[in-house]
Structure formats: C-alpha cells, structure tokens
N, C-alpha and C. Protein backbone atom coordinates (compact mmCIF):
# COMPACT_ATOMS: atom_id res chain seq x y z
N MET A 1 9.89 -11.71 18.28
CA MET A 1 8.76 -11.42 17.40
C MET A 1 8.33 -12.70 16.71
N ALA A 2 7.03 -12.98 16.72
CA ALA A 2 6.49 -14.20 16.12
C ALA A 2 6.58 -14.13 14.60
N LYS A 3 6.79 -15.30 14.01
CA LYS A 3 6.83 -15.38 12.55
C LYS A 3 5.43 -15.10 12.00
N PRO A 4 5.32 -14.26 10.97
CA PRO A 4 4.00 -13.98 10.38
C PRO A 4 3.38 -15.23 9.78
N ALA A 5 2.06 -15.30 9.80
CA ALA A 5 1.35 -16.36 9.09
C ALA A 5 1.63 -16.21 7.60
N PHE A 6 1.46 -17.29 6.84
CA PHE A 6 1.75 -17.23 5.40
C PHE A 6 0.91 -16.16 4.72
N ARG A 7 -0.35 -16.03 5.11
CA ARG A 7 -1.23 -14.99 4.57
C ARG A 7 -1.85 -14.22 5.75
N GLU A 8 -1.47 -12.97 5.86
CA GLU A 8 -2.11 -12.10 6.83
C GLU A 8 -2.01 -10.67 6.30
N ILE A 9 -2.86 -9.83 6.81
CA ILE A 9 -2.87 -8.43 6.36
C ILE A 9 -2.11 -7.62 7.41
N ARG A 10 -1.01 -7.02 6.96
CA ARG A 10 -0.23 -6.13 7.81
C ARG A 10 -0.35 -4.74 7.21
N ALA A 11 -0.69 -3.77 8.04
CA ALA A 11 -0.94 -2.42 7.52
C ALA A 11 -0.81 -1.39 8.63
N SER A 12 -0.66 -0.16 8.21
CA SER A 12 -0.77 0.97 9.12
C SER A 12 -2.27 1.28 9.20
N HIS A 13 -2.84 1.22 10.40
CA HIS A 13 -4.29 1.40 10.52
C HIS A 13 -4.68 1.85 11.91
N ASP A 14 -5.90 2.34 12.02
CA ASP A 14 -6.51 2.61 13.32
C ASP A 14 -7.88 1.94 13.30
N ASP A 15 -8.74 2.28 14.22
CA ASP A 15 -10.05 1.62 14.31
C ASP A 15 -10.98 1.95 13.15
N GLU A 16 -10.71 3.02 12.42
CA GLU A 16 -11.62 3.45 11.36
C GLU A 16 -11.03 3.40 9.96
N CYS A 17 -9.73 3.51 9.83
CA CYS A 17 -9.11 3.58 8.50
C CYS A 17 -7.88 2.70 8.40
N ILE A 18 -7.60 2.29 7.18
CA ILE A 18 -6.38 1.55 6.87
C ILE A 18 -5.67 2.33 5.76
N THR A 19 -4.35 2.44 5.89
CA THR A 19 -3.58 3.13 4.85
C THR A 19 -3.19 2.12 3.79
N VAL A 20 -3.47 2.46 2.55
CA VAL A 20 -3.08 1.63 1.41
C VAL A 20 -2.30 2.51 0.44
N TYR A 21 -1.57 1.86 -0.46
CA TYR A 21 -0.71 2.60 -1.38
C TYR A 21 -1.11 2.32 -2.82
N GLN A 22 -0.99 3.35 -3.64
CA GLN A 22 -1.22 3.26 -5.07
C GLN A 22 -0.11 4.00 -5.77
N GLU A 23 0.22 3.54 -6.95
CA GLU A 23 1.29 4.14 -7.73
C GLU A 23 0.69 4.82 -8.95
N TYR A 24 1.05 6.08 -9.16
CA TYR A 24 0.60 6.84 -10.32
C TYR A 24 1.75 7.66 -10.86
N ASN A 25 1.62 8.10 -12.11
CA ASN A 25 2.64 9.01 -12.62
C ASN A 25 2.52 10.34 -11.88
N ALA A 26 3.54 11.18 -12.01
CA ALA A 26 3.63 12.41 -11.22
C ALA A 26 2.43 13.34 -11.45
N SER A 27 1.96 13.46 -12.68
CA SER A 27 0.85 14.37 -12.98
C SER A 27 -0.43 13.93 -12.27
N ILE A 28 -0.75 12.66 -12.35
CA ILE A 28 -1.95 12.14 -11.68
C ILE A 28 -1.79 12.28 -10.17
N ALA A 29 -0.62 11.92 -9.67
CA ALA A 29 -0.39 11.98 -8.22
C ALA A 29 -0.51 13.40 -7.69
N GLU A 30 0.10 14.35 -8.36
CA GLU A 30 0.05 15.74 -7.90
C GLU A 30 -1.39 16.26 -7.87
N SER A 31 -2.16 15.96 -8.91
CA SER A 31 -3.56 16.40 -8.94
C SER A 31 -4.37 15.74 -7.83
N ALA A 32 -4.13 14.45 -7.60
CA ALA A 32 -4.87 13.72 -6.56
C ALA A 32 -4.56 14.28 -5.17
N ILE A 33 -3.31 14.56 -4.92
CA ILE A 33 -2.92 15.09 -3.61
C ILE A 33 -3.49 16.48 -3.40
N GLU A 34 -3.39 17.32 -4.42
CA GLU A 34 -3.88 18.70 -4.30
C GLU A 34 -5.39 18.75 -4.08
N SER A 35 -6.13 17.94 -4.83
CA SER A 35 -7.60 18.00 -4.76
C SER A 35 -8.21 16.97 -3.80
N GLN A 36 -7.37 16.00 -3.36
CA GLN A 36 -7.84 14.90 -2.52
C GLN A 36 -8.86 14.02 -3.26
N LYS A 37 -8.71 13.94 -4.59
CA LYS A 37 -9.55 13.08 -5.43
C LYS A 37 -8.66 12.36 -6.43
N LEU A 38 -8.73 11.04 -6.49
CA LEU A 38 -7.92 10.29 -7.45
C LEU A 38 -8.25 10.67 -8.88
N SER A 39 -9.47 11.04 -9.14
CA SER A 39 -9.92 11.31 -10.51
C SER A 39 -9.68 12.75 -10.95
N ALA A 40 -8.93 13.54 -10.21
CA ALA A 40 -8.76 14.97 -10.52
C ALA A 40 -7.98 15.24 -11.81
N SER A 41 -7.03 14.40 -12.14
CA SER A 41 -6.20 14.63 -13.33
C SER A 41 -6.91 14.16 -14.59
N PRO A 42 -6.79 14.92 -15.69
CA PRO A 42 -7.36 14.45 -16.96
C PRO A 42 -6.66 13.18 -17.47
N LEU A 43 -5.48 12.88 -16.93
CA LEU A 43 -4.76 11.66 -17.33
C LEU A 43 -5.26 10.41 -16.61
N TYR A 44 -6.02 10.60 -15.55
CA TYR A 44 -6.56 9.46 -14.81
C TYR A 44 -7.57 8.73 -15.69
N ARG A 45 -7.42 7.42 -15.81
CA ARG A 45 -8.32 6.62 -16.64
C ARG A 45 -9.30 5.85 -15.77
N PRO A 46 -10.54 6.32 -15.70
CA PRO A 46 -11.51 5.68 -14.81
C PRO A 46 -11.89 4.27 -15.23
N GLY A 47 -11.68 3.89 -16.48
CA GLY A 47 -12.03 2.55 -16.93
C GLY A 47 -11.03 1.49 -16.53
N ARG A 48 -9.89 1.91 -16.03
CA ARG A 48 -8.82 0.98 -15.67
C ARG A 48 -9.02 0.48 -14.23
N ALA A 49 -8.76 -0.81 -14.02
CA ALA A 49 -8.86 -1.36 -12.66
C ALA A 49 -7.84 -0.66 -11.77
N THR A 50 -8.21 -0.45 -10.54
CA THR A 50 -7.35 0.19 -9.56
C THR A 50 -6.89 -0.86 -8.56
N TRP A 51 -5.59 -0.96 -8.35
CA TRP A 51 -5.03 -1.91 -7.38
C TRP A 51 -4.38 -1.15 -6.24
N ILE A 52 -4.65 -1.59 -5.03
CA ILE A 52 -4.08 -0.97 -3.84
C ILE A 52 -3.39 -2.05 -3.01
N LYS A 53 -2.47 -1.62 -2.19
CA LYS A 53 -1.71 -2.55 -1.36
C LYS A 53 -1.45 -1.90 0.00
N PRO A 54 -1.72 -2.59 1.11
CA PRO A 54 -1.43 -2.00 2.41
C PRO A 54 0.03 -2.11 2.83
N SER A 55 0.86 -2.76 2.02
CA SER A 55 2.27 -2.97 2.36
C SER A 55 3.17 -1.87 1.80
N TRP A 56 3.78 -1.10 2.68
CA TRP A 56 4.72 -0.05 2.29
C TRP A 56 5.90 -0.65 1.50
N CYS A 57 6.49 -1.72 2.01
CA CYS A 57 7.67 -2.29 1.35
C CYS A 57 7.33 -2.86 -0.02
N TRP A 58 6.15 -3.45 -0.17
CA TRP A 58 5.78 -3.95 -1.49
C TRP A 58 5.67 -2.79 -2.47
N MET A 59 5.11 -1.66 -2.02
CA MET A 59 5.01 -0.50 -2.91
C MET A 59 6.39 0.06 -3.22
N MET A 60 7.32 -0.01 -2.29
CA MET A 60 8.69 0.42 -2.58
C MET A 60 9.29 -0.47 -3.66
N TYR A 61 9.01 -1.77 -3.58
CA TYR A 61 9.46 -2.72 -4.60
C TYR A 61 8.84 -2.36 -5.95
N ARG A 62 7.56 -2.13 -5.96
CA ARG A 62 6.83 -1.84 -7.20
C ARG A 62 7.28 -0.53 -7.83
N SER A 63 7.56 0.47 -7.00
CA SER A 63 7.89 1.80 -7.52
C SER A 63 9.39 2.11 -7.53
N GLY A 64 10.22 1.16 -7.10
CA GLY A 64 11.65 1.44 -7.04
C GLY A 64 11.95 2.60 -6.10
N TYR A 65 11.31 2.60 -4.94
CA TYR A 65 11.42 3.69 -3.96
C TYR A 65 11.00 5.02 -4.57
N SER A 66 10.12 4.99 -5.53
CA SER A 66 9.58 6.15 -6.26
C SER A 66 10.61 6.78 -7.18
N LEU A 67 11.66 6.04 -7.51
CA LEU A 67 12.71 6.58 -8.36
C LEU A 67 12.58 6.14 -9.82
N LEU A 68 11.65 5.24 -10.13
CA LEU A 68 11.44 4.81 -11.50
C LEU A 68 10.66 5.87 -12.27
N LYS A 69 10.94 5.99 -13.56
CA LYS A 69 10.19 6.94 -14.38
C LYS A 69 8.71 6.56 -14.36
N ASN A 70 7.86 7.55 -14.22
CA ASN A 70 6.41 7.36 -14.14
C ASN A 70 5.99 6.49 -12.96
N ALA A 71 6.78 6.50 -11.90
CA ALA A 71 6.40 5.73 -10.72
C ALA A 71 6.52 6.61 -9.49
N CYS A 72 5.42 6.97 -8.93
CA CYS A 72 5.38 7.76 -7.70
C CYS A 72 4.44 7.06 -6.74
N PRO A 73 4.94 6.61 -5.59
CA PRO A 73 4.00 6.02 -4.64
C PRO A 73 3.26 7.15 -3.95
N ALA A 74 2.75 8.05 -4.75
CA ALA A 74 2.20 9.29 -4.22
C ALA A 74 0.96 9.06 -3.40
N GLY A 75 0.19 8.09 -3.75
CA GLY A 75 -1.05 7.93 -3.02
C GLY A 75 -0.86 7.11 -1.77
N ALA A 76 -1.28 7.65 -0.68
CA ALA A 76 -1.46 6.87 0.53
C ALA A 76 -2.89 7.15 0.97
N PRO A 77 -3.86 6.66 0.16
CA PRO A 77 -5.25 6.90 0.53
C PRO A 77 -5.58 6.15 1.82
N HIS A 78 -6.22 6.80 2.73
CA HIS A 78 -6.67 6.17 3.97
C HIS A 78 -8.12 5.77 3.69
N ALA A 79 -8.41 4.46 3.75
CA ALA A 79 -9.65 3.98 3.15
C ALA A 79 -10.48 3.04 4.02
N ARG A 80 -11.76 3.00 3.69
CA ARG A 80 -12.70 2.00 4.18
C ARG A 80 -13.05 1.15 2.96
N GLY A 81 -13.33 -0.15 3.13
CA GLY A 81 -13.57 -0.95 1.95
C GLY A 81 -14.70 -1.94 2.06
N GLU A 82 -15.09 -2.46 0.89
CA GLU A 82 -16.16 -3.45 0.83
C GLU A 82 -15.87 -4.47 -0.26
N SER A 83 -16.66 -4.53 -1.36
CA SER A 83 -16.55 -5.56 -2.39
C SER A 83 -15.36 -5.31 -3.31
N VAL A 84 -14.37 -6.19 -3.23
CA VAL A 84 -13.15 -6.02 -4.00
C VAL A 84 -12.64 -7.37 -4.48
N VAL A 85 -11.58 -7.37 -5.28
CA VAL A 85 -10.89 -8.56 -5.74
C VAL A 85 -9.56 -8.61 -4.99
N VAL A 86 -9.12 -9.81 -4.58
CA VAL A 86 -7.84 -9.89 -3.88
C VAL A 86 -6.92 -10.91 -4.52
N GLN A 87 -5.63 -10.68 -4.36
CA GLN A 87 -4.62 -11.68 -4.69
C GLN A 87 -3.52 -11.54 -3.65
N TRP A 88 -2.78 -12.63 -3.46
CA TRP A 88 -1.72 -12.66 -2.45
C TRP A 88 -0.37 -12.70 -3.16
N ASP A 89 0.45 -11.70 -2.91
CA ASP A 89 1.76 -11.58 -3.55
C ASP A 89 2.86 -11.79 -2.51
N PRO A 90 4.05 -12.19 -2.97
CA PRO A 90 5.16 -12.29 -2.01
C PRO A 90 5.39 -10.94 -1.33
N GLU A 91 5.48 -10.96 -0.02
CA GLU A 91 5.76 -9.73 0.73
C GLU A 91 7.23 -9.35 0.53
N ARG A 92 7.54 -8.09 0.75
CA ARG A 92 8.90 -7.57 0.58
C ARG A 92 9.38 -6.92 1.87
N GLY A 93 10.69 -6.94 2.06
CA GLY A 93 11.32 -6.23 3.17
C GLY A 93 11.76 -4.86 2.70
N PRO A 94 12.31 -4.03 3.59
CA PRO A 94 12.69 -2.66 3.22
C PRO A 94 13.78 -2.59 2.15
N ARG A 95 14.58 -3.63 2.02
CA ARG A 95 15.60 -3.67 0.96
C ARG A 95 15.08 -4.38 -0.28
N LEU A 96 13.76 -4.55 -0.31
CA LEU A 96 13.01 -5.14 -1.43
C LEU A 96 13.21 -6.64 -1.57
N GLU A 97 13.83 -7.26 -0.56
CA GLU A 97 14.02 -8.70 -0.60
C GLU A 97 12.67 -9.40 -0.47
N ARG A 98 12.55 -10.52 -1.16
CA ARG A 98 11.32 -11.32 -1.10
C ARG A 98 11.27 -12.06 0.23
N LEU A 99 10.15 -11.95 0.93
CA LEU A 99 9.98 -12.62 2.21
C LEU A 99 9.21 -13.92 2.02
N GLU A 100 9.18 -14.74 3.04
CA GLU A 100 8.59 -16.08 2.94
C GLU A 100 7.07 -16.09 3.03
N TYR A 101 6.46 -14.98 3.26
CA TYR A 101 5.01 -14.94 3.42
C TYR A 101 4.39 -13.98 2.42
N ARG A 102 3.07 -13.99 2.35
CA ARG A 102 2.33 -13.22 1.36
C ARG A 102 1.65 -12.01 1.97
N GLY A 103 1.51 -10.98 1.14
CA GLY A 103 0.76 -9.79 1.50
C GLY A 103 -0.38 -9.63 0.51
N ILE A 104 -1.42 -9.01 0.95
CA ILE A 104 -2.62 -8.87 0.12
C ILE A 104 -2.50 -7.68 -0.83
N GLN A 105 -2.99 -7.87 -2.04
CA GLN A 105 -3.16 -6.79 -3.01
C GLN A 105 -4.65 -6.76 -3.33
N ILE A 106 -5.23 -5.59 -3.37
CA ILE A 106 -6.67 -5.46 -3.48
C ILE A 106 -7.03 -4.75 -4.77
N GLY A 107 -7.85 -5.38 -5.59
CA GLY A 107 -8.31 -4.79 -6.83
C GLY A 107 -9.67 -4.15 -6.64
N ILE A 108 -9.78 -2.92 -7.09
CA ILE A 108 -11.05 -2.19 -7.01
C ILE A 108 -11.68 -2.26 -8.40
N PRO A 109 -12.67 -3.14 -8.60
CA PRO A 109 -13.25 -3.32 -9.93
C PRO A 109 -14.14 -2.14 -10.34
N GLY A 110 -14.45 -2.10 -11.64
CA GLY A 110 -15.22 -1.00 -12.20
C GLY A 110 -16.50 -0.68 -11.47
N GLY A 111 -17.24 -1.70 -11.06
CA GLY A 111 -18.51 -1.46 -10.40
C GLY A 111 -18.39 -0.82 -9.03
N VAL A 112 -17.23 -0.90 -8.43
CA VAL A 112 -17.00 -0.37 -7.09
C VAL A 112 -16.08 0.85 -7.13
N ARG A 113 -15.39 1.03 -8.25
CA ARG A 113 -14.35 2.07 -8.35
C ARG A 113 -14.86 3.47 -8.05
N ASP A 114 -16.03 3.84 -8.58
CA ASP A 114 -16.55 5.18 -8.30
C ASP A 114 -16.82 5.37 -6.81
N GLN A 115 -17.35 4.34 -6.18
CA GLN A 115 -17.60 4.42 -4.74
C GLN A 115 -16.27 4.55 -3.99
N TRP A 116 -15.25 3.82 -4.43
CA TRP A 116 -13.91 3.92 -3.85
C TRP A 116 -13.40 5.36 -3.94
N ILE A 117 -13.50 5.93 -5.13
CA ILE A 117 -12.97 7.29 -5.35
C ILE A 117 -13.76 8.34 -4.58
N GLU A 118 -15.08 8.23 -4.60
CA GLU A 118 -15.93 9.28 -4.03
C GLU A 118 -16.23 9.13 -2.54
N GLU A 119 -16.27 7.89 -2.02
CA GLU A 119 -16.74 7.69 -0.66
C GLU A 119 -15.74 7.05 0.30
N TRP A 120 -14.92 6.13 -0.18
CA TRP A 120 -14.10 5.35 0.73
C TRP A 120 -12.77 6.00 1.08
N ILE A 121 -12.29 6.88 0.25
CA ILE A 121 -10.99 7.51 0.51
C ILE A 121 -11.17 8.65 1.49
N GLU A 122 -10.50 8.55 2.61
CA GLU A 122 -10.59 9.56 3.67
C GLU A 122 -9.60 10.70 3.45
N GLY A 123 -8.53 10.44 2.71
CA GLY A 123 -7.52 11.46 2.46
C GLY A 123 -6.40 10.87 1.63
N ILE A 124 -5.66 11.72 0.93
CA ILE A 124 -4.54 11.28 0.10
C ILE A 124 -3.30 12.05 0.54
N GLU A 125 -2.25 11.32 0.81
CA GLU A 125 -1.02 11.90 1.34
C GLU A 125 0.14 11.60 0.39
N ASP A 126 1.01 12.54 0.17
CA ASP A 126 2.20 12.34 -0.66
C ASP A 126 3.28 11.68 0.18
N VAL A 127 3.66 10.47 -0.17
CA VAL A 127 4.70 9.74 0.57
C VAL A 127 5.97 9.57 -0.26
N THR A 128 6.05 10.29 -1.37
CA THR A 128 7.20 10.17 -2.26
C THR A 128 8.51 10.50 -1.55
N GLN A 129 8.56 11.61 -0.83
CA GLN A 129 9.81 11.99 -0.17
C GLN A 129 10.18 11.00 0.92
N MET A 130 9.19 10.49 1.62
CA MET A 130 9.46 9.48 2.65
C MET A 130 10.12 8.25 2.01
N ALA A 131 9.62 7.84 0.85
CA ALA A 131 10.20 6.70 0.14
C ALA A 131 11.65 6.98 -0.24
N ARG A 132 11.91 8.14 -0.75
CA ARG A 132 13.27 8.49 -1.17
C ARG A 132 14.21 8.63 0.03
N ASP A 133 13.70 9.18 1.12
CA ASP A 133 14.51 9.30 2.33
C ASP A 133 14.84 7.92 2.90
N MET A 134 13.89 7.00 2.83
CA MET A 134 14.14 5.64 3.30
C MET A 134 15.23 4.99 2.46
N LYS A 135 15.14 5.13 1.15
CA LYS A 135 16.15 4.55 0.25
C LYS A 135 17.53 5.12 0.57
N LYS A 136 17.60 6.42 0.78
CA LYS A 136 18.89 7.06 1.10
C LYS A 136 19.46 6.48 2.40
N LYS A 137 18.63 6.34 3.42
CA LYS A 137 19.08 5.79 4.70
C LYS A 137 19.53 4.34 4.55
N LEU A 138 18.81 3.55 3.77
CA LEU A 138 19.20 2.16 3.53
C LEU A 138 20.54 2.08 2.82
N ASP A 139 20.80 3.00 1.89
CA ASP A 139 22.08 3.03 1.19
C ASP A 139 23.22 3.44 2.11
N GLU A 140 22.93 4.33 3.05
CA GLU A 140 23.96 4.84 3.98
C GLU A 140 24.25 3.86 5.12
N ASP A 141 23.26 3.10 5.54
CA ASP A 141 23.39 2.22 6.70
C ASP A 141 22.93 0.82 6.32
N LEU A 142 23.89 -0.04 6.03
CA LEU A 142 23.57 -1.40 5.56
C LEU A 142 23.03 -2.30 6.67
N THR A 143 23.06 -1.84 7.92
CA THR A 143 22.58 -2.68 9.02
C THR A 143 21.25 -2.23 9.60
N ILE A 144 20.72 -1.13 9.12
CA ILE A 144 19.47 -0.61 9.70
C ILE A 144 18.31 -1.58 9.45
N GLY A 145 17.46 -1.73 10.45
CA GLY A 145 16.33 -2.65 10.36
C GLY A 145 14.99 -1.93 10.37
N VAL A 146 13.95 -2.72 10.28
CA VAL A 146 12.58 -2.20 10.21
C VAL A 146 12.25 -1.33 11.43
N GLU A 147 12.57 -1.81 12.62
CA GLU A 147 12.21 -1.06 13.83
C GLU A 147 12.83 0.34 13.82
N GLU A 148 14.09 0.44 13.41
CA GLU A 148 14.76 1.74 13.37
C GLU A 148 14.18 2.62 12.27
N LEU A 149 13.85 2.04 11.12
CA LEU A 149 13.22 2.81 10.04
C LEU A 149 11.88 3.39 10.50
N VAL A 150 11.12 2.59 11.23
CA VAL A 150 9.83 3.07 11.76
C VAL A 150 10.08 4.18 12.78
N ARG A 151 11.04 3.97 13.68
CA ARG A 151 11.34 4.97 14.71
C ARG A 151 11.76 6.30 14.10
N LEU A 152 12.50 6.24 12.99
CA LEU A 152 12.95 7.45 12.31
C LEU A 152 11.87 8.09 11.44
N GLY A 153 10.71 7.45 11.33
CA GLY A 153 9.63 7.98 10.51
C GLY A 153 9.85 7.77 9.02
N LEU A 154 10.71 6.81 8.68
CA LEU A 154 11.01 6.53 7.27
C LEU A 154 10.19 5.37 6.73
N MET A 155 9.40 4.77 7.59
CA MET A 155 8.57 3.63 7.22
C MET A 155 7.40 3.60 8.19
N PRO A 156 6.19 3.33 7.71
CA PRO A 156 5.05 3.26 8.63
C PRO A 156 5.13 2.03 9.54
N ASP A 157 4.51 2.13 10.68
CA ASP A 157 4.42 1.00 11.60
C ASP A 157 3.25 0.13 11.14
N GLU A 158 3.57 -0.95 10.48
CA GLU A 158 2.53 -1.86 9.98
C GLU A 158 2.38 -3.01 10.96
N ARG A 159 1.14 -3.26 11.33
CA ARG A 159 0.86 -4.34 12.27
C ARG A 159 -0.33 -5.14 11.75
N LEU A 160 -0.56 -6.27 12.38
CA LEU A 160 -1.62 -7.17 11.95
C LEU A 160 -2.97 -6.45 11.92
N TYR A 161 -3.65 -6.60 10.80
CA TYR A 161 -5.01 -6.08 10.64
C TYR A 161 -5.93 -7.29 10.74
N ARG A 162 -6.64 -7.39 11.81
CA ARG A 162 -7.49 -8.56 12.06
C ARG A 162 -8.82 -8.44 11.32
N VAL A 163 -9.24 -9.56 10.78
CA VAL A 163 -10.54 -9.63 10.10
C VAL A 163 -11.38 -10.70 10.80
N ASP A 164 -12.69 -10.63 10.64
CA ASP A 164 -13.54 -11.63 11.28
C ASP A 164 -13.40 -12.97 10.55
N ASP A 165 -13.94 -14.02 11.15
CA ASP A 165 -13.78 -15.38 10.62
C ASP A 165 -14.31 -15.53 9.20
N GLU A 166 -15.44 -14.91 8.91
CA GLU A 166 -16.03 -15.01 7.57
C GLU A 166 -15.09 -14.41 6.52
N VAL A 167 -14.56 -13.24 6.78
CA VAL A 167 -13.64 -12.59 5.85
C VAL A 167 -12.35 -13.40 5.75
N PHE A 168 -11.85 -13.90 6.86
CA PHE A 168 -10.66 -14.74 6.89
C PHE A 168 -10.82 -15.92 5.92
N ASP A 169 -11.97 -16.58 5.99
CA ASP A 169 -12.24 -17.72 5.11
C ASP A 169 -12.39 -17.29 3.66
N ARG A 170 -13.12 -16.20 3.40
CA ARG A 170 -13.33 -15.73 2.03
C ARG A 170 -12.03 -15.32 1.37
N LEU A 171 -11.08 -14.80 2.15
CA LEU A 171 -9.79 -14.38 1.60
C LEU A 171 -8.79 -15.52 1.49
N GLY A 172 -9.17 -16.70 1.95
CA GLY A 172 -8.26 -17.84 1.87
C GLY A 172 -7.02 -17.66 2.73
N MET A 173 -7.18 -17.03 3.87
CA MET A 173 -6.02 -16.70 4.69
C MET A 173 -5.40 -17.90 5.40
N ALA A 174 -6.11 -19.02 5.47
CA ALA A 174 -5.55 -20.21 6.09
C ALA A 174 -4.64 -20.97 5.13
N SER A 175 -4.70 -20.65 3.84
CA SER A 175 -3.92 -21.36 2.83
C SER A 175 -2.42 -21.16 3.04
N GLN A 176 -1.67 -22.19 2.72
CA GLN A 176 -0.20 -22.12 2.78
C GLN A 176 0.41 -22.08 1.39
N LYS A 177 -0.42 -21.85 0.37
CA LYS A 177 0.06 -21.80 -1.02
C LYS A 177 -0.16 -20.44 -1.60
C-alpha cells in the first residue's frame, strides 16, 4: 500500500455523496437521526459554526469512541458540498494514534449552514454502536488492523477522494506543512 500524501482527502464515498462525521450530544443526535434534520432538536444552536470530518478515526479520537459524556458521533451525514472553510489536522489511526499525514476538517460557516442543513445532507445515520463495537474489538484484539476492521464492518472503507486541480490548489493539498 502506497504511503498517503501529506494532505489528501480519504473518505467513504460514491460518485454522488461523501460520508462525513459530526459530533453532537445525545439529545441533538437522536432528534437529527429520527427526523433526518440536524436542526430538529431545540438544543441545536444554528448560530454556531458546524464542523465536519470525513475521517472515521479522527471522529473516534474526538469523541472517545462515543464514550465521552456529551459526545456521540451520531451524525454520519452523507453530503454534497460547496463554499466552506477548511483546516488540516493530524490524521488518526483506529487506536487513535497520531499519523504522519493530515486529514481535512471542513467548517460550514453561517452563510452556508442553512443550505448545508436543508439541501446538502442526503441522510443521517447513527454510527454510535459501530464506534463502540470497534472500541470493544480493539480492546479484545491488540493485533487487529484497519483491513480487518473494515471487513468486519466496524470501520468504513475510506479511500482517496479525488478533487480537480483547481480545488487541489485552493485546499493547499501540495503543502508539506
């Protein structure tokens, strides 16, 4: 397997949608999953910036495999996107170890947020149990790797998401910093 570029987008995707992850408290997550709308819960704050990440392992790092209080990687919105803010964070492995390359985090700013909520989200899936099952398997088997986790359905198959040259340049994907 080739070493990943320092900055590249790895995600579970098809020709029309890319799966991204968001972390919300249980009340917001449950309402979003039930109604298929992020804004369904009265606790959802529409004025707050929304950050999404296509990396399953980074979300496991952020949410502690969904075991942290008020942390549920409940959202797996399948999305189409346009004008957003990006930053590149250290990528994580399934055991939450920091990897040598970066993964993209995408900020949905206020001016685009309503469009994100109403038009770009194709569906919302609860992945909390999958996260917890993965953590359990990692604790039971200290030698299990990414390929086996994917085969067991405990981790999505994330592969390179190619962007055109203009987007590549705008995202600074050639940078090694």
